[in-house]
Amino acid sequence: MHLKKIVLAGILGGILLLATSVIFSAIATTLSPYSIFDVPGMRPMSDPVSSLFFAAPFVVAFVSAIVYDIINPALSGGTFRKGIVFGYLLFLLVVLPSLFVVFSSMYFPDGFYIAGFLNGIIGYPLFGLLCALLWTGTEKLDFRAEAARI
């Protein structure tokens, strides 16, 4: 295991996923206005437990970095392809089931689902690229060669 790379991917990936979550929530709110604080069953921000919400992207990033470290040798292609494939794999395994469970069991506003989908379809591939870059290094990154293989 590449512990330094896992820790770095966990920290940087957590920041990246938190940032994309905030950005896509703002975009979704403009498309379909809602306030997450008005959704029934949500904890108020004054509740200390609600601050754990901001830790979730870091948990996902650390666990996903461990998974990347394990499956990296099995991913084919160059750095860009490995990162995108891993990101969309996470989208399929993490985001879609989560959105399905929430959609099928709770009355959340449409903007909530739009934000989750956008974060998953864009944010997770960006995280995959981050992992691929950390594991490969930028010296082997050749976008032209990789684009020719797509």
N, C-alpha and C. Protein backbone atom coordinates (compact mmCIF):
# COMPACT_ATOMS: atom_id res chain seq x y z
N MET A 1 0.83 -1.19 0.00
CA MET A 1 0.00 0.00 0.00
C MET A 1 0.87 1.25 0.00
N HIS A 2 0.41 2.22 -0.72
CA HIS A 2 1.09 3.50 -0.81
C HIS A 2 0.43 4.48 0.16
N LEU A 3 0.84 4.40 1.43
CA LEU A 3 0.18 5.15 2.49
C LEU A 3 0.22 6.66 2.27
N LYS A 4 1.36 7.20 1.83
CA LYS A 4 1.45 8.64 1.60
C LYS A 4 0.48 9.09 0.51
N LYS A 5 0.38 8.31 -0.56
CA LYS A 5 -0.53 8.65 -1.65
C LYS A 5 -1.98 8.55 -1.19
N ILE A 6 -2.29 7.56 -0.37
CA ILE A 6 -3.66 7.39 0.15
C ILE A 6 -4.04 8.58 1.02
N VAL A 7 -3.14 8.98 1.91
CA VAL A 7 -3.42 10.12 2.79
C VAL A 7 -3.57 11.40 1.98
N LEU A 8 -2.68 11.61 1.02
CA LEU A 8 -2.77 12.81 0.19
C LEU A 8 -4.04 12.82 -0.64
N ALA A 9 -4.39 11.68 -1.23
CA ALA A 9 -5.64 11.58 -2.01
C ALA A 9 -6.85 11.77 -1.11
N GLY A 10 -6.78 11.29 0.12
CA GLY A 10 -7.88 11.46 1.06
C GLY A 10 -8.11 12.92 1.42
N ILE A 11 -7.02 13.63 1.67
CA ILE A 11 -7.13 15.04 2.04
C ILE A 11 -7.52 15.90 0.84
N LEU A 12 -6.74 15.79 -0.24
CA LEU A 12 -7.04 16.60 -1.43
C LEU A 12 -8.37 16.21 -2.06
N GLY A 13 -8.65 14.91 -2.09
CA GLY A 13 -9.92 14.43 -2.64
C GLY A 13 -11.10 14.88 -1.81
N GLY A 14 -10.95 14.90 -0.49
CA GLY A 14 -12.02 15.38 0.39
C GLY A 14 -12.32 16.85 0.13
N ILE A 15 -11.26 17.63 -0.04
CA ILE A 15 -11.44 19.05 -0.35
C ILE A 15 -12.11 19.20 -1.71
N LEU A 16 -11.65 18.43 -2.69
CA LEU A 16 -12.23 18.49 -4.03
C LEU A 16 -13.70 18.11 -4.02
N LEU A 17 -14.05 16.99 -3.38
CA LEU A 17 -15.45 16.53 -3.35
C LEU A 17 -16.34 17.49 -2.56
N LEU A 18 -15.82 18.07 -1.49
CA LEU A 18 -16.58 19.06 -0.73
C LEU A 18 -16.83 20.30 -1.59
N ALA A 19 -15.79 20.75 -2.30
CA ALA A 19 -15.93 21.94 -3.16
C ALA A 19 -16.92 21.68 -4.28
N THR A 20 -16.82 20.53 -4.95
CA THR A 20 -17.76 20.24 -6.04
C THR A 20 -19.17 20.10 -5.50
N SER A 21 -19.31 19.56 -4.31
CA SER A 21 -20.64 19.43 -3.70
C SER A 21 -21.26 20.80 -3.46
N VAL A 22 -20.48 21.72 -2.93
CA VAL A 22 -20.98 23.07 -2.67
C VAL A 22 -21.32 23.78 -3.99
N ILE A 23 -20.44 23.65 -4.97
CA ILE A 23 -20.66 24.30 -6.27
C ILE A 23 -21.92 23.76 -6.94
N PHE A 24 -22.05 22.44 -6.99
CA PHE A 24 -23.21 21.86 -7.68
C PHE A 24 -24.50 22.04 -6.89
N SER A 25 -24.41 22.16 -5.58
CA SER A 25 -25.59 22.50 -4.80
C SER A 25 -26.07 23.91 -5.13
N ALA A 26 -25.13 24.83 -5.29
CA ALA A 26 -25.49 26.20 -5.66
C ALA A 26 -26.12 26.24 -7.06
N ILE A 27 -25.55 25.48 -7.98
CA ILE A 27 -26.11 25.42 -9.34
C ILE A 27 -27.51 24.80 -9.30
N ALA A 28 -27.67 23.70 -8.57
CA ALA A 28 -28.97 23.03 -8.49
C ALA A 28 -30.01 23.93 -7.83
N THR A 29 -29.59 24.72 -6.86
CA THR A 29 -30.51 25.62 -6.18
C THR A 29 -31.02 26.70 -7.13
N THR A 30 -30.19 27.12 -8.07
CA THR A 30 -30.66 28.11 -9.05
C THR A 30 -31.61 27.46 -10.06
N LEU A 31 -31.39 26.19 -10.38
CA LEU A 31 -32.26 25.49 -11.33
C LEU A 31 -33.59 25.09 -10.71
N SER A 32 -33.51 24.63 -9.47
CA SER A 32 -34.71 24.19 -8.75
C SER A 32 -34.56 24.62 -7.30
N PRO A 33 -35.01 25.84 -6.97
CA PRO A 33 -34.76 26.41 -5.64
C PRO A 33 -35.27 25.54 -4.48
N TYR A 34 -34.41 25.41 -3.49
CA TYR A 34 -34.77 24.71 -2.26
C TYR A 34 -33.78 25.10 -1.17
N SER A 35 -34.18 24.86 0.06
CA SER A 35 -33.28 25.03 1.20
C SER A 35 -33.20 23.69 1.91
N ILE A 36 -32.02 23.15 1.98
CA ILE A 36 -31.84 21.84 2.61
C ILE A 36 -32.28 21.87 4.07
N PHE A 37 -32.26 23.05 4.67
CA PHE A 37 -32.64 23.18 6.07
C PHE A 37 -34.15 23.10 6.27
N ASP A 38 -34.91 23.26 5.18
CA ASP A 38 -36.37 23.17 5.27
C ASP A 38 -36.89 21.76 5.01
N VAL A 39 -35.99 20.85 4.66
CA VAL A 39 -36.40 19.47 4.39
C VAL A 39 -36.71 18.77 5.71
N PRO A 40 -37.90 18.18 5.83
CA PRO A 40 -38.26 17.49 7.09
C PRO A 40 -37.25 16.39 7.43
N GLY A 41 -36.90 16.34 8.69
CA GLY A 41 -35.99 15.30 9.16
C GLY A 41 -34.53 15.71 9.17
N MET A 42 -34.20 16.86 8.61
CA MET A 42 -32.81 17.32 8.59
C MET A 42 -32.47 17.93 9.95
N ARG A 43 -31.28 17.65 10.42
CA ARG A 43 -30.82 18.24 11.68
C ARG A 43 -30.57 19.73 11.49
N PRO A 44 -30.85 20.54 12.50
CA PRO A 44 -30.51 21.96 12.40
C PRO A 44 -28.99 22.13 12.48
N MET A 45 -28.47 23.18 11.88
CA MET A 45 -27.02 23.43 11.90
C MET A 45 -26.51 23.68 13.32
N SER A 46 -27.39 24.00 14.24
CA SER A 46 -26.97 24.21 15.62
C SER A 46 -26.66 22.89 16.32
N ASP A 47 -27.10 21.77 15.76
CA ASP A 47 -26.81 20.45 16.32
C ASP A 47 -25.37 20.07 15.95
N PRO A 48 -24.53 19.79 16.95
CA PRO A 48 -23.12 19.47 16.65
C PRO A 48 -22.94 18.27 15.71
N VAL A 49 -23.86 17.34 15.74
CA VAL A 49 -23.76 16.16 14.89
C VAL A 49 -23.85 16.53 13.41
N SER A 50 -24.56 17.61 13.10
CA SER A 50 -24.72 18.01 11.70
C SER A 50 -23.40 18.43 11.07
N SER A 51 -22.42 18.78 11.89
CA SER A 51 -21.11 19.15 11.34
C SER A 51 -20.41 17.95 10.70
N LEU A 52 -20.83 16.74 11.05
CA LEU A 52 -20.25 15.55 10.43
C LEU A 52 -20.55 15.47 8.94
N PHE A 53 -21.57 16.21 8.50
CA PHE A 53 -21.89 16.27 7.07
C PHE A 53 -20.65 16.68 6.26
N PHE A 54 -19.87 17.61 6.80
CA PHE A 54 -18.70 18.12 6.10
C PHE A 54 -17.54 17.12 6.11
N ALA A 55 -17.62 16.10 6.94
CA ALA A 55 -16.59 15.06 6.97
C ALA A 55 -16.86 13.97 5.93
N ALA A 56 -18.08 13.87 5.45
CA ALA A 56 -18.46 12.79 4.53
C ALA A 56 -17.58 12.74 3.28
N PRO A 57 -17.30 13.86 2.60
CA PRO A 57 -16.44 13.77 1.41
C PRO A 57 -15.04 13.24 1.72
N PHE A 58 -14.55 13.54 2.91
CA PHE A 58 -13.22 13.06 3.30
C PHE A 58 -13.24 11.56 3.56
N VAL A 59 -14.31 11.07 4.17
CA VAL A 59 -14.45 9.63 4.39
C VAL A 59 -14.50 8.91 3.05
N VAL A 60 -15.33 9.41 2.14
CA VAL A 60 -15.43 8.81 0.80
C VAL A 60 -14.08 8.85 0.10
N ALA A 61 -13.38 9.98 0.19
CA ALA A 61 -12.09 10.12 -0.49
C ALA A 61 -11.04 9.16 0.08
N PHE A 62 -10.97 9.03 1.39
CA PHE A 62 -9.99 8.12 1.99
C PHE A 62 -10.29 6.67 1.62
N VAL A 63 -11.53 6.26 1.74
CA VAL A 63 -11.89 4.88 1.40
C VAL A 63 -11.67 4.62 -0.09
N SER A 64 -12.06 5.58 -0.92
CA SER A 64 -11.88 5.43 -2.37
C SER A 64 -10.40 5.41 -2.75
N ALA A 65 -9.57 6.14 -2.05
CA ALA A 65 -8.13 6.12 -2.31
C ALA A 65 -7.55 4.74 -2.00
N ILE A 66 -8.03 4.12 -0.95
CA ILE A 66 -7.59 2.75 -0.63
C ILE A 66 -8.01 1.80 -1.74
N VAL A 67 -9.24 1.96 -2.21
CA VAL A 67 -9.73 1.13 -3.31
C VAL A 67 -8.90 1.37 -4.56
N TYR A 68 -8.60 2.63 -4.86
CA TYR A 68 -7.78 2.93 -6.04
C TYR A 68 -6.42 2.26 -5.93
N ASP A 69 -5.82 2.32 -4.77
CA ASP A 69 -4.52 1.71 -4.57
C ASP A 69 -4.57 0.20 -4.86
N ILE A 70 -5.67 -0.43 -4.52
CA ILE A 70 -5.82 -1.87 -4.74
C ILE A 70 -6.08 -2.20 -6.21
N ILE A 71 -6.97 -1.44 -6.86
CA ILE A 71 -7.36 -1.80 -8.22
C ILE A 71 -6.55 -1.11 -9.31
N ASN A 72 -5.68 -0.18 -8.94
CA ASN A 72 -4.89 0.54 -9.92
C ASN A 72 -4.18 -0.38 -10.93
N PRO A 73 -3.55 -1.46 -10.50
CA PRO A 73 -2.88 -2.32 -11.48
C PRO A 73 -3.85 -2.97 -12.49
N ALA A 74 -5.10 -3.10 -12.12
CA ALA A 74 -6.08 -3.74 -13.01
C ALA A 74 -6.70 -2.75 -14.00
N LEU A 75 -6.52 -1.46 -13.77
CA LEU A 75 -7.07 -0.45 -14.68
C LEU A 75 -6.16 -0.33 -15.90
N SER A 76 -6.77 -0.36 -17.08
CA SER A 76 -5.97 -0.28 -18.29
C SER A 76 -5.96 1.15 -18.82
N GLY A 77 -4.98 1.44 -19.67
CA GLY A 77 -4.89 2.75 -20.29
C GLY A 77 -3.92 3.65 -19.56
N GLY A 78 -3.90 4.88 -20.02
CA GLY A 78 -3.02 5.87 -19.43
C GLY A 78 -3.63 6.51 -18.21
N THR A 79 -2.96 7.52 -17.72
CA THR A 79 -3.38 8.20 -16.50
C THR A 79 -4.79 8.78 -16.60
N PHE A 80 -5.04 9.49 -17.69
CA PHE A 80 -6.35 10.12 -17.86
C PHE A 80 -7.46 9.07 -17.90
N ARG A 81 -7.28 8.04 -18.68
CA ARG A 81 -8.29 6.98 -18.80
C ARG A 81 -8.52 6.27 -17.47
N LYS A 82 -7.43 5.94 -16.77
CA LYS A 82 -7.57 5.28 -15.46
C LYS A 82 -8.39 6.14 -14.50
N GLY A 83 -8.09 7.44 -14.47
CA GLY A 83 -8.79 8.34 -13.56
C GLY A 83 -10.26 8.47 -13.88
N ILE A 84 -10.58 8.63 -15.16
CA ILE A 84 -11.98 8.77 -15.56
C ILE A 84 -12.75 7.48 -15.30
N VAL A 85 -12.16 6.35 -15.66
CA VAL A 85 -12.82 5.06 -15.44
C VAL A 85 -13.07 4.84 -13.95
N PHE A 86 -12.08 5.14 -13.12
CA PHE A 86 -12.26 4.97 -11.68
C PHE A 86 -13.34 5.92 -11.15
N GLY A 87 -13.34 7.15 -11.62
CA GLY A 87 -14.36 8.12 -11.19
C GLY A 87 -15.76 7.68 -11.55
N TYR A 88 -15.94 7.17 -12.76
CA TYR A 88 -17.28 6.71 -13.15
C TYR A 88 -17.66 5.40 -12.47
N LEU A 89 -16.67 4.60 -12.12
CA LEU A 89 -16.94 3.41 -11.32
C LEU A 89 -17.48 3.82 -9.95
N LEU A 90 -16.87 4.84 -9.35
CA LEU A 90 -17.37 5.36 -8.07
C LEU A 90 -18.77 5.93 -8.23
N PHE A 91 -19.00 6.64 -9.34
CA PHE A 91 -20.33 7.19 -9.61
C PHE A 91 -21.37 6.06 -9.62
N LEU A 92 -21.05 4.97 -10.30
CA LEU A 92 -21.99 3.84 -10.39
C LEU A 92 -22.18 3.13 -9.05
N LEU A 93 -21.11 3.02 -8.27
CA LEU A 93 -21.17 2.25 -7.03
C LEU A 93 -21.57 3.06 -5.80
N VAL A 94 -21.31 4.35 -5.83
CA VAL A 94 -21.57 5.19 -4.64
C VAL A 94 -22.76 6.11 -4.86
N VAL A 95 -22.72 6.88 -5.93
CA VAL A 95 -23.70 7.95 -6.12
C VAL A 95 -25.07 7.43 -6.55
N LEU A 96 -25.11 6.65 -7.61
CA LEU A 96 -26.41 6.19 -8.11
C LEU A 96 -27.21 5.39 -7.08
N PRO A 97 -26.62 4.41 -6.39
CA PRO A 97 -27.41 3.71 -5.37
C PRO A 97 -27.89 4.64 -4.25
N SER A 98 -27.04 5.58 -3.85
CA SER A 98 -27.43 6.52 -2.79
C SER A 98 -28.60 7.38 -3.24
N LEU A 99 -28.52 7.93 -4.45
CA LEU A 99 -29.62 8.74 -4.96
C LEU A 99 -30.90 7.91 -5.12
N PHE A 100 -30.76 6.68 -5.54
CA PHE A 100 -31.93 5.81 -5.70
C PHE A 100 -32.62 5.56 -4.36
N VAL A 101 -31.83 5.27 -3.33
CA VAL A 101 -32.41 5.00 -2.01
C VAL A 101 -33.12 6.24 -1.48
N VAL A 102 -32.48 7.39 -1.60
CA VAL A 102 -33.09 8.62 -1.10
C VAL A 102 -34.35 8.95 -1.91
N PHE A 103 -34.26 8.82 -3.25
CA PHE A 103 -35.41 9.12 -4.10
C PHE A 103 -36.59 8.19 -3.80
N SER A 104 -36.30 6.92 -3.57
CA SER A 104 -37.38 5.95 -3.39
C SER A 104 -37.95 5.93 -1.97
N SER A 105 -37.30 6.63 -1.04
CA SER A 105 -37.77 6.54 0.34
C SER A 105 -38.06 7.88 1.01
N MET A 106 -37.71 8.99 0.37
CA MET A 106 -37.88 10.29 1.02
C MET A 106 -38.41 11.33 0.03
N TYR A 107 -39.08 12.32 0.56
CA TYR A 107 -39.57 13.44 -0.24
C TYR A 107 -38.56 14.58 -0.18
N PHE A 108 -37.54 14.51 -0.99
CA PHE A 108 -36.57 15.59 -1.05
C PHE A 108 -36.84 16.42 -2.29
N PRO A 109 -36.46 17.69 -2.29
CA PRO A 109 -36.69 18.54 -3.46
C PRO A 109 -35.84 18.09 -4.65
N ASP A 110 -36.32 18.43 -5.84
CA ASP A 110 -35.63 18.02 -7.07
C ASP A 110 -34.19 18.53 -7.11
N GLY A 111 -33.97 19.72 -6.60
CA GLY A 111 -32.63 20.29 -6.60
C GLY A 111 -31.61 19.42 -5.86
N PHE A 112 -32.06 18.73 -4.84
CA PHE A 112 -31.19 17.84 -4.08
C PHE A 112 -30.65 16.74 -4.99
N TYR A 113 -31.52 16.16 -5.80
CA TYR A 113 -31.12 15.07 -6.70
C TYR A 113 -30.26 15.61 -7.84
N ILE A 114 -30.58 16.79 -8.33
CA ILE A 114 -29.77 17.40 -9.39
C ILE A 114 -28.36 17.63 -8.88
N ALA A 115 -28.23 18.17 -7.68
CA ALA A 115 -26.91 18.44 -7.09
C ALA A 115 -26.13 17.14 -6.92
N GLY A 116 -26.77 16.12 -6.40
CA GLY A 116 -26.10 14.84 -6.20
C GLY A 116 -25.65 14.21 -7.51
N PHE A 117 -26.50 14.29 -8.52
CA PHE A 117 -26.16 13.73 -9.82
C PHE A 117 -24.99 14.48 -10.46
N LEU A 118 -25.05 15.83 -10.44
CA LEU A 118 -23.96 16.62 -11.02
C LEU A 118 -22.65 16.39 -10.29
N ASN A 119 -22.71 16.34 -8.97
CA ASN A 119 -21.50 16.07 -8.20
C ASN A 119 -20.93 14.71 -8.55
N GLY A 120 -21.80 13.73 -8.73
CA GLY A 120 -21.33 12.40 -9.05
C GLY A 120 -20.77 12.27 -10.45
N ILE A 121 -21.43 12.87 -11.41
CA ILE A 121 -21.05 12.71 -12.82
C ILE A 121 -19.82 13.55 -13.18
N ILE A 122 -19.56 14.61 -12.40
CA ILE A 122 -18.41 15.48 -12.68
C ILE A 122 -17.36 15.40 -11.56
N GLY A 123 -17.81 15.50 -10.31
CA GLY A 123 -16.87 15.52 -9.18
C GLY A 123 -16.10 14.23 -8.98
N TYR A 124 -16.77 13.10 -9.13
CA TYR A 124 -16.10 11.82 -8.90
C TYR A 124 -15.07 11.49 -9.99
N PRO A 125 -15.35 11.76 -11.27
CA PRO A 125 -14.27 11.59 -12.26
C PRO A 125 -13.08 12.53 -12.01
N LEU A 126 -13.35 13.74 -11.52
CA LEU A 126 -12.24 14.63 -11.16
C LEU A 126 -11.42 14.02 -10.02
N PHE A 127 -12.10 13.42 -9.07
CA PHE A 127 -11.39 12.73 -7.99
C PHE A 127 -10.60 11.55 -8.54
N GLY A 128 -11.17 10.82 -9.49
CA GLY A 128 -10.45 9.71 -10.12
C GLY A 128 -9.19 10.20 -10.80
N LEU A 129 -9.29 11.34 -11.49
CA LEU A 129 -8.10 11.92 -12.13
C LEU A 129 -7.04 12.31 -11.09
N LEU A 130 -7.50 12.85 -9.98
CA LEU A 130 -6.57 13.19 -8.90
C LEU A 130 -5.82 11.95 -8.44
N CYS A 131 -6.54 10.87 -8.21
CA CYS A 131 -5.90 9.62 -7.78
C CYS A 131 -4.91 9.13 -8.83
N ALA A 132 -5.33 9.12 -10.08
CA ALA A 132 -4.47 8.63 -11.15
C ALA A 132 -3.19 9.47 -11.25
N LEU A 133 -3.33 10.78 -11.10
CA LEU A 133 -2.16 11.65 -11.14
C LEU A 133 -1.23 11.41 -9.96
N LEU A 134 -1.81 11.20 -8.79
CA LEU A 134 -0.98 10.96 -7.61
C LEU A 134 -0.23 9.63 -7.72
N TRP A 135 -0.86 8.62 -8.29
CA TRP A 135 -0.23 7.32 -8.39
C TRP A 135 0.75 7.25 -9.56
N THR A 136 0.47 7.95 -10.64
CA THR A 136 1.32 7.88 -11.83
C THR A 136 2.36 8.99 -11.84
N GLY A 137 1.95 10.16 -11.47
CA GLY A 137 2.84 11.32 -11.57
C GLY A 137 2.60 12.04 -12.87
N THR A 138 2.86 13.30 -12.89
CA THR A 138 2.57 14.11 -14.08
C THR A 138 3.59 13.91 -15.18
N GLU A 139 4.76 13.32 -14.87
CA GLU A 139 5.77 13.16 -15.91
C GLU A 139 5.34 12.17 -16.99
N LYS A 140 4.40 11.29 -16.70
CA LYS A 140 3.94 10.31 -17.67
C LYS A 140 2.61 10.71 -18.31
N LEU A 141 2.17 11.91 -18.07
CA LEU A 141 0.88 12.36 -18.57
C LEU A 141 1.02 12.92 -19.98
N ASP A 142 0.39 12.26 -20.94
CA ASP A 142 0.44 12.68 -22.33
C ASP A 142 -0.99 12.65 -22.87
N PHE A 143 -1.65 13.82 -22.83
CA PHE A 143 -3.06 13.88 -23.24
C PHE A 143 -3.26 13.55 -24.71
N ARG A 144 -2.32 13.94 -25.55
CA ARG A 144 -2.47 13.66 -26.99
C ARG A 144 -2.45 12.16 -27.26
N ALA A 145 -1.54 11.46 -26.65
CA ALA A 145 -1.44 10.01 -26.86
C ALA A 145 -2.69 9.31 -26.31
N GLU A 146 -3.18 9.78 -25.18
CA GLU A 146 -4.36 9.16 -24.60
C GLU A 146 -5.60 9.48 -25.40
N ALA A 147 -5.71 10.70 -25.91
CA ALA A 147 -6.86 11.06 -26.73
C ALA A 147 -6.89 10.25 -28.03
N ALA A 148 -5.74 9.93 -28.56
CA ALA A 148 -5.67 9.14 -29.79
C ALA A 148 -6.17 7.72 -29.56
N ARG A 149 -6.04 7.23 -28.34
CA ARG A 149 -6.48 5.85 -28.02
C ARG A 149 -7.96 5.76 -27.71
N ILE A 150 -8.63 6.89 -27.51
CA ILE A 150 -10.05 6.86 -27.15
C ILE A 150 -10.89 6.63 -28.36
